[in-house]
Amino acid sequence: REAPPRHLAPGYSKRAPDSRLLVLPADMELFSISAGGVVEPRDDWTEAAQKNFAAGLATQRARLGSQVTELDGVQAEEFAEITALHRAVADAIQLHHRGGWMELPTKNRALDWSLGEAVRPLRERTGADYALFTWVRDSYASSERKLAMVALAALGAISLGGEQNGYASLVDLRTGRIVWFNQLSRMSGDLREPAPAVETVEALLKGFPALE
């Protein structure tokens, strides 16, 4: 028998056609890598990325559905504890659900994770059936770093430039179960500009459960 897709919870495939989706603000931060390899946060890049990411999500209405509610940053602060819990669970999924020696035998390679009753306030406040959580950390080599990389390459050394890491997950607010999860870990992508940001959104939402 064929194994279920690793990004879907056991027994889950599609959302009901009348289901309502809550989109929370992306947890996002961008960094610059100095010539010496020091990673420094860039608030200006992060602000631009958040706007570009939100605009990118707006282009995905056919995928997300027509009944979408969004929380802004101020509203989301009220549910900071739920977001923190989700982050902890998502970090565990990233660590233990990618295969290899860190995989948990008790999960039997299934996407079997839940936030439990903790998500109830989100459903009570918004009336949504599902919540979409996204998290991205992106770094870019500075001009000085790029020059240093060229010099090191000439000496036969390997040095890293920027990296894009992120995840997106869909939580069933009726049960607390994470029914879909997708992650990115790559050396490409750029959230500082609108067009590349759309590509990142599309990559994060690859395999997002369709409506029945």
C-alpha atoms as a PDB file:
ATOM      1  CA  ARG A   1       0.000   0.000   0.000  1.00  0.00           C
ATOM      2  CA  GLU A   2       1.295   3.448  -0.938  1.00  0.00           C
ATOM      3  CA  ALA A   3       2.452   5.591   1.976  1.00  0.00           C
ATOM      4  CA  PRO A   4       0.557   8.866   2.557  1.00  0.00           C
ATOM      5  CA  PRO A   5       2.265  12.124   1.588  1.00  0.00           C
ATOM      6  CA  ARG A   6       4.671  13.165   4.335  1.00  0.00           C
ATOM      7  CA  HIS A   7       3.298  16.712   4.357  1.00  0.00           C
ATOM      8  CA  LEU A   8      -0.261  15.611   5.207  1.00  0.00           C
ATOM      9  CA  ALA A   9      -1.603  14.226   8.481  1.00  0.00           C
ATOM     10  CA  PRO A  10      -2.860  10.626   8.367  1.00  0.00           C
ATOM     11  CA  GLY A  11      -6.341  10.420   6.897  1.00  0.00           C
ATOM     12  CA  TYR A  12      -6.352  14.051   5.783  1.00  0.00           C
ATOM     13  CA  SER A  13      -6.501  15.197   2.158  1.00  0.00           C
ATOM     14  CA  LYS A  14      -8.719  18.244   1.505  1.00  0.00           C
ATOM     15  CA  ARG A  15     -10.543  21.084   3.186  1.00  0.00           C
ATOM     16  CA  ALA A  16     -14.329  21.295   3.124  1.00  0.00           C
ATOM     17  CA  PRO A  17     -15.563  23.725   0.428  1.00  0.00           C
ATOM     18  CA  ASP A  18     -17.174  26.043   2.974  1.00  0.00           C
ATOM     19  CA  SER A  19     -14.247  26.014   5.416  1.00  0.00           C
ATOM     20  CA  ARG A  20     -12.880  29.308   6.701  1.00  0.00           C
ATOM     21  CA  LEU A  21      -9.167  30.032   6.813  1.00  0.00           C
ATOM     22  CA  LEU A  22      -7.367  32.343   9.237  1.00  0.00           C
ATOM     23  CA  VAL A  23      -3.990  33.697   8.080  1.00  0.00           C
ATOM     24  CA  LEU A  24      -1.667  34.870  10.846  1.00  0.00           C
ATOM     25  CA  PRO A  25       1.157  37.363  10.202  1.00  0.00           C
ATOM     26  CA  ALA A  26       4.371  35.684   9.120  1.00  0.00           C
ATOM     27  CA  ASP A  27       7.067  35.308  11.764  1.00  0.00           C
ATOM     28  CA  MET A  28       9.898  36.710   9.697  1.00  0.00           C
ATOM     29  CA  GLU A  29      13.398  38.113  10.073  1.00  0.00           C
ATOM     30  CA  LEU A  30      16.093  38.951   7.514  1.00  0.00           C
ATOM     31  CA  PHE A  31      19.840  39.150   8.077  1.00  0.00           C
ATOM     32  CA  SER A  32      22.961  40.432   6.363  1.00  0.00           C
ATOM     33  CA  ILE A  33      26.178  38.387   6.374  1.00  0.00           C
ATOM     34  CA  SER A  34      29.294  40.565   6.774  1.00  0.00           C
ATOM     35  CA  ALA A  35      32.653  39.961   5.098  1.00  0.00           C
ATOM     36  CA  GLY A  36      33.778  38.046   8.173  1.00  0.00           C
ATOM     37  CA  GLY A  37      30.662  35.883   8.225  1.00  0.00           C
ATOM     38  CA  VAL A  38      28.903  37.736  11.053  1.00  0.00           C
ATOM     39  CA  VAL A  39      25.111  37.529  10.761  1.00  0.00           C
ATOM     40  CA  GLU A  40      23.372  40.821  11.563  1.00  0.00           C
ATOM     41  CA  PRO A  41      19.610  41.527  11.595  1.00  0.00           C
ATOM     42  CA  ARG A  42      18.318  44.086   9.110  1.00  0.00           C
ATOM     43  CA  ASP A  43      15.082  45.744  10.215  1.00  0.00           C
ATOM     44  CA  ASP A  44      14.630  47.546   6.899  1.00  0.00           C
ATOM     45  CA  TRP A  45      14.870  44.303   4.944  1.00  0.00           C
ATOM     46  CA  THR A  46      12.500  42.571   7.356  1.00  0.00           C
ATOM     47  CA  GLU A  47       9.903  45.324   7.017  1.00  0.00           C
ATOM     48  CA  ALA A  48      10.068  45.172   3.219  1.00  0.00           C
ATOM     49  CA  ALA A  49       9.902  41.373   3.285  1.00  0.00           C
ATOM     50  CA  GLN A  50       6.792  41.340   5.458  1.00  0.00           C
ATOM     51  CA  LYS A  51       5.013  43.629   2.991  1.00  0.00           C
ATOM     52  CA  ASN A  52       6.199  41.610  -0.004  1.00  0.00           C
ATOM     53  CA  PHE A  53       5.234  38.333   1.632  1.00  0.00           C
ATOM     54  CA  ALA A  54       1.741  39.604   2.458  1.00  0.00           C
ATOM     55  CA  ALA A  55       1.352  40.808  -1.134  1.00  0.00           C
ATOM     56  CA  GLY A  56       2.535  37.403  -2.329  1.00  0.00           C
ATOM     57  CA  LEU A  57      -0.095  35.672  -0.205  1.00  0.00           C
ATOM     58  CA  ALA A  58      -2.737  37.926  -1.760  1.00  0.00           C
ATOM     59  CA  THR A  59      -1.901  36.400  -5.160  1.00  0.00           C
ATOM     60  CA  GLN A  60      -2.744  32.937  -3.813  1.00  0.00           C
ATOM     61  CA  ARG A  61      -6.473  33.424  -3.249  1.00  0.00           C
ATOM     62  CA  ALA A  62      -7.364  30.651  -5.691  1.00  0.00           C
ATOM     63  CA  ARG A  63      -5.301  28.283  -3.571  1.00  0.00           C
ATOM     64  CA  LEU A  64      -6.303  29.598  -0.142  1.00  0.00           C
ATOM     65  CA  GLY A  65     -10.004  29.962  -0.913  1.00  0.00           C
ATOM     66  CA  SER A  66     -12.512  32.794  -0.786  1.00  0.00           C
ATOM     67  CA  GLN A  67     -13.261  32.694   2.952  1.00  0.00           C
ATOM     68  CA  VAL A  68     -10.016  34.082   4.310  1.00  0.00           C
ATOM     69  CA  THR A  69      -9.567  36.223   7.422  1.00  0.00           C
ATOM     70  CA  GLU A  70      -6.274  37.898   8.258  1.00  0.00           C
ATOM     71  CA  LEU A  71      -4.940  39.058  11.599  1.00  0.00           C
ATOM     72  CA  ASP A  72      -2.664  42.087  11.675  1.00  0.00           C
ATOM     73  CA  GLY A  73       0.345  42.314  13.961  1.00  0.00           C
ATOM     74  CA  VAL A  74      -1.532  44.051  16.781  1.00  0.00           C
ATOM     75  CA  GLN A  75      -4.370  41.526  16.766  1.00  0.00           C
ATOM     76  CA  ALA A  76      -1.920  38.632  16.635  1.00  0.00           C
ATOM     77  CA  GLU A  77      -0.226  39.824  19.823  1.00  0.00           C
ATOM     78  CA  GLU A  78      -3.297  38.699  21.746  1.00  0.00           C
ATOM     79  CA  PHE A  79      -2.540  35.134  20.666  1.00  0.00           C
ATOM     80  CA  ALA A  80       1.223  35.274  21.211  1.00  0.00           C
ATOM     81  CA  GLU A  81       1.171  32.219  23.486  1.00  0.00           C
ATOM     82  CA  ILE A  82      -0.529  30.128  20.801  1.00  0.00           C
ATOM     83  CA  THR A  83       2.004  31.317  18.223  1.00  0.00           C
ATOM     84  CA  ALA A  84       4.865  30.432  20.566  1.00  0.00           C
ATOM     85  CA  LEU A  85       3.422  26.965  21.172  1.00  0.00           C
ATOM     86  CA  HIS A  86       3.015  26.428  17.461  1.00  0.00           C
ATOM     87  CA  ARG A  87       6.608  27.534  16.890  1.00  0.00           C
ATOM     88  CA  ALA A  88       7.847  24.963  19.405  1.00  0.00           C
ATOM     89  CA  VAL A  89       5.834  22.163  17.796  1.00  0.00           C
ATOM     90  CA  ALA A  90       6.855  23.228  14.276  1.00  0.00           C
ATOM     91  CA  ASP A  91      10.512  23.255  15.306  1.00  0.00           C
ATOM     92  CA  ALA A  92      10.074  19.678  16.527  1.00  0.00           C
ATOM     93  CA  ILE A  93       8.474  18.701  13.206  1.00  0.00           C
ATOM     94  CA  GLN A  94      11.355  20.219  11.264  1.00  0.00           C
ATOM     95  CA  LEU A  95      13.822  18.287  13.401  1.00  0.00           C
ATOM     96  CA  HIS A  96      12.103  14.926  13.564  1.00  0.00           C
ATOM     97  CA  HIS A  97       9.975  14.644  10.410  1.00  0.00           C
ATOM     98  CA  ARG A  98      12.620  14.960   7.705  1.00  0.00           C
ATOM     99  CA  GLY A  99      13.912  11.406   8.024  1.00  0.00           C
ATOM    100  CA  GLY A 100      17.299  10.211   9.153  1.00  0.00           C
ATOM    101  CA  TRP A 101      18.513   9.355  12.631  1.00  0.00           C
ATOM    102  CA  MET A 102      16.490  12.149  14.286  1.00  0.00           C
ATOM    103  CA  GLU A 103      13.190  10.636  13.166  1.00  0.00           C
ATOM    104  CA  LEU A 104      10.916   9.530  16.016  1.00  0.00           C
ATOM    105  CA  PRO A 105       9.984   5.826  15.792  1.00  0.00           C
ATOM    106  CA  THR A 106       6.760   6.475  17.712  1.00  0.00           C
ATOM    107  CA  LYS A 107       5.492   8.671  14.889  1.00  0.00           C
ATOM    108  CA  ASN A 108       5.970   5.893  12.308  1.00  0.00           C
ATOM    109  CA  ARG A 109       6.943   8.561   9.741  1.00  0.00           C
ATOM    110  CA  ALA A 110       3.473  10.143  10.012  1.00  0.00           C
ATOM    111  CA  LEU A 111       2.706  13.840  10.376  1.00  0.00           C
ATOM    112  CA  ASP A 112       1.093  13.254  13.760  1.00  0.00           C
ATOM    113  CA  TRP A 113       1.342  16.479  15.771  1.00  0.00           C
ATOM    114  CA  SER A 114      -1.217  18.627  17.576  1.00  0.00           C
ATOM    115  CA  LEU A 115      -1.592  21.844  19.542  1.00  0.00           C
ATOM    116  CA  GLY A 116      -4.642  20.470  21.338  1.00  0.00           C
ATOM    117  CA  GLU A 117      -7.134  22.710  23.083  1.00  0.00           C
ATOM    118  CA  ALA A 118      -4.689  25.647  23.070  1.00  0.00           C
ATOM    119  CA  VAL A 119      -6.004  26.840  19.689  1.00  0.00           C
ATOM    120  CA  ARG A 120      -9.606  27.190  20.882  1.00  0.00           C
ATOM    121  CA  PRO A 121      -9.338  30.989  21.483  1.00  0.00           C
ATOM    122  CA  LEU A 122      -8.405  31.513  17.833  1.00  0.00           C
ATOM    123  CA  ARG A 123     -11.506  29.682  16.672  1.00  0.00           C
ATOM    124  CA  GLU A 124     -13.752  31.394  19.202  1.00  0.00           C
ATOM    125  CA  ARG A 125     -12.513  34.854  18.236  1.00  0.00           C
ATOM    126  CA  THR A 126     -12.473  34.442  14.437  1.00  0.00           C
ATOM    127  CA  GLY A 127     -14.873  31.612  13.658  1.00  0.00           C
ATOM    128  CA  ALA A 128     -12.228  30.081  11.391  1.00  0.00           C
ATOM    129  CA  ASP A 129     -11.900  26.345  10.807  1.00  0.00           C
ATOM    130  CA  TYR A 130      -8.194  26.419   9.971  1.00  0.00           C
ATOM    131  CA  ALA A 131      -5.201  28.649  10.678  1.00  0.00           C
ATOM    132  CA  LEU A 132      -2.178  29.135   8.434  1.00  0.00           C
ATOM    133  CA  PHE A 133       1.109  29.772  10.248  1.00  0.00           C
ATOM    134  CA  THR A 134       4.279  30.807   8.409  1.00  0.00           C
ATOM    135  CA  TRP A 135       7.864  31.322   9.610  1.00  0.00           C
ATOM    136  CA  VAL A 136      10.848  32.510   7.560  1.00  0.00           C
ATOM    137  CA  ARG A 137      14.461  33.347   8.304  1.00  0.00           C
ATOM    138  CA  ASP A 138      16.434  34.702   5.345  1.00  0.00           C
ATOM    139  CA  SER A 139      20.042  35.836   5.085  1.00  0.00           C
ATOM    140  CA  TYR A 140      21.970  37.533   2.289  1.00  0.00           C
ATOM    141  CA  ALA A 141      25.652  38.047   1.666  1.00  0.00           C
ATOM    142  CA  SER A 142      26.751  41.691   1.764  1.00  0.00           C
ATOM    143  CA  SER A 143      28.831  43.106  -1.080  1.00  0.00           C
ATOM    144  CA  GLU A 144      31.923  42.686   1.072  1.00  0.00           C
ATOM    145  CA  ARG A 145      30.967  39.096   1.837  1.00  0.00           C
ATOM    146  CA  LYS A 146      30.566  38.313  -1.849  1.00  0.00           C
ATOM    147  CA  LEU A 147      34.066  39.633  -2.532  1.00  0.00           C
ATOM    148  CA  ALA A 148      35.418  37.572   0.352  1.00  0.00           C
ATOM    149  CA  MET A 149      33.693  34.476  -1.040  1.00  0.00           C
ATOM    150  CA  VAL A 150      35.355  34.992  -4.418  1.00  0.00           C
ATOM    151  CA  ALA A 151      38.752  35.362  -2.746  1.00  0.00           C
ATOM    152  CA  LEU A 152      38.223  32.258  -0.624  1.00  0.00           C
ATOM    153  CA  ALA A 153      37.049  30.278  -3.629  1.00  0.00           C
ATOM    154  CA  ALA A 154      40.275  31.174  -5.435  1.00  0.00           C
ATOM    155  CA  LEU A 155      42.128  29.614  -2.509  1.00  0.00           C
ATOM    156  CA  GLY A 156      40.017  26.497  -2.718  1.00  0.00           C
ATOM    157  CA  ALA A 157      37.980  27.254   0.388  1.00  0.00           C
ATOM    158  CA  ILE A 158      34.211  26.889   0.591  1.00  0.00           C
ATOM    159  CA  SER A 159      32.218  29.715   2.152  1.00  0.00           C
ATOM    160  CA  LEU A 160      28.486  30.161   2.401  1.00  0.00           C
ATOM    161  CA  GLY A 161      26.415  33.086   1.239  1.00  0.00           C
ATOM    162  CA  GLY A 162      22.766  33.551   2.157  1.00  0.00           C
ATOM    163  CA  GLU A 163      20.255  30.897   3.061  1.00  0.00           C
ATOM    164  CA  GLN A 164      16.456  30.795   3.150  1.00  0.00           C
ATOM    165  CA  ASN A 165      14.719  28.671   5.765  1.00  0.00           C
ATOM    166  CA  GLY A 166      11.018  28.575   6.472  1.00  0.00           C
ATOM    167  CA  TYR A 167       7.892  26.563   7.047  1.00  0.00           C
ATOM    168  CA  ALA A 168       4.155  26.831   6.582  1.00  0.00           C
ATOM    169  CA  SER A 169       1.592  24.785   8.439  1.00  0.00           C
ATOM    170  CA  LEU A 170      -2.152  24.387   8.446  1.00  0.00           C
ATOM    171  CA  VAL A 171      -3.803  23.804  11.809  1.00  0.00           C
ATOM    172  CA  ASP A 172      -7.328  22.452  12.198  1.00  0.00           C
ATOM    173  CA  LEU A 173      -8.762  24.807  14.820  1.00  0.00           C
ATOM    174  CA  ARG A 174     -11.514  22.339  15.694  1.00  0.00           C
ATOM    175  CA  THR A 175      -9.065  19.680  16.857  1.00  0.00           C
ATOM    176  CA  GLY A 176      -5.702  21.456  17.173  1.00  0.00           C
ATOM    177  CA  ARG A 177      -4.141  18.965  14.767  1.00  0.00           C
ATOM    178  CA  ILE A 178      -1.493  20.074  12.266  1.00  0.00           C
ATOM    179  CA  VAL A 179      -2.957  18.633   9.062  1.00  0.00           C
ATOM    180  CA  TRP A 180      -0.368  19.936   6.593  1.00  0.00           C
ATOM    181  CA  PHE A 181       3.242  21.041   6.890  1.00  0.00           C
ATOM    182  CA  ASN A 182       5.823  22.179   4.352  1.00  0.00           C
ATOM    183  CA  GLN A 183       9.335  23.508   4.856  1.00  0.00           C
ATOM    184  CA  LEU A 184      12.061  25.272   2.881  1.00  0.00           C
ATOM    185  CA  SER A 185      15.795  25.063   3.336  1.00  0.00           C
ATOM    186  CA  ARG A 186      17.721  26.398   0.360  1.00  0.00           C
ATOM    187  CA  MET A 187      20.448  28.711  -0.818  1.00  0.00           C
ATOM    188  CA  SER A 188      18.110  30.696  -3.086  1.00  0.00           C
ATOM    189  CA  GLY A 189      15.113  33.003  -2.731  1.00  0.00           C
ATOM    190  CA  ASP A 190      14.826  36.710  -1.983  1.00  0.00           C
ATOM    191  CA  LEU A 191      12.068  38.375   0.003  1.00  0.00           C
ATOM    192  CA  ARG A 192      13.398  41.892  -0.372  1.00  0.00           C
ATOM    193  CA  GLU A 193      11.761  42.352  -3.782  1.00  0.00           C
ATOM    194  CA  PRO A 194       8.101  41.716  -4.736  1.00  0.00           C
ATOM    195  CA  ALA A 195       8.528  39.235  -7.605  1.00  0.00           C
ATOM    196  CA  PRO A 196      10.982  36.864  -5.859  1.00  0.00           C
ATOM    197  CA  ALA A 197       8.815  37.073  -2.733  1.00  0.00           C
ATOM    198  CA  VAL A 198       5.880  35.626  -4.679  1.00  0.00           C
ATOM    199  CA  GLU A 199       8.103  32.685  -5.663  1.00  0.00           C
ATOM    200  CA  THR A 200       8.939  32.075  -1.992  1.00  0.00           C
ATOM    201  CA  VAL A 201       5.235  32.132  -1.071  1.00  0.00           C
ATOM    202  CA  GLU A 202       4.474  29.653  -3.858  1.00  0.00           C
ATOM    203  CA  ALA A 203       7.307  27.379  -2.703  1.00  0.00           C
ATOM    204  CA  LEU A 204       6.066  27.478   0.898  1.00  0.00           C
ATOM    205  CA  LEU A 205       2.492  26.681  -0.157  1.00  0.00           C
ATOM    206  CA  LYS A 206       3.452  23.803  -2.440  1.00  0.00           C
ATOM    207  CA  GLY A 207       1.038  20.965  -1.756  1.00  0.00           C
ATOM    208  CA  PHE A 208      -1.338  23.156   0.256  1.00  0.00           C
ATOM    209  CA  PRO A 209      -4.608  21.235   0.743  1.00  0.00           C
ATOM    210  CA  ALA A 210      -7.186  22.142  -1.869  1.00  0.00           C
ATOM    211  CA  LEU A 211     -10.873  22.702  -1.236  1.00  0.00           C
ATOM    212  CA  GLU A 212     -13.103  19.739  -1.996  1.00  0.00           C
END
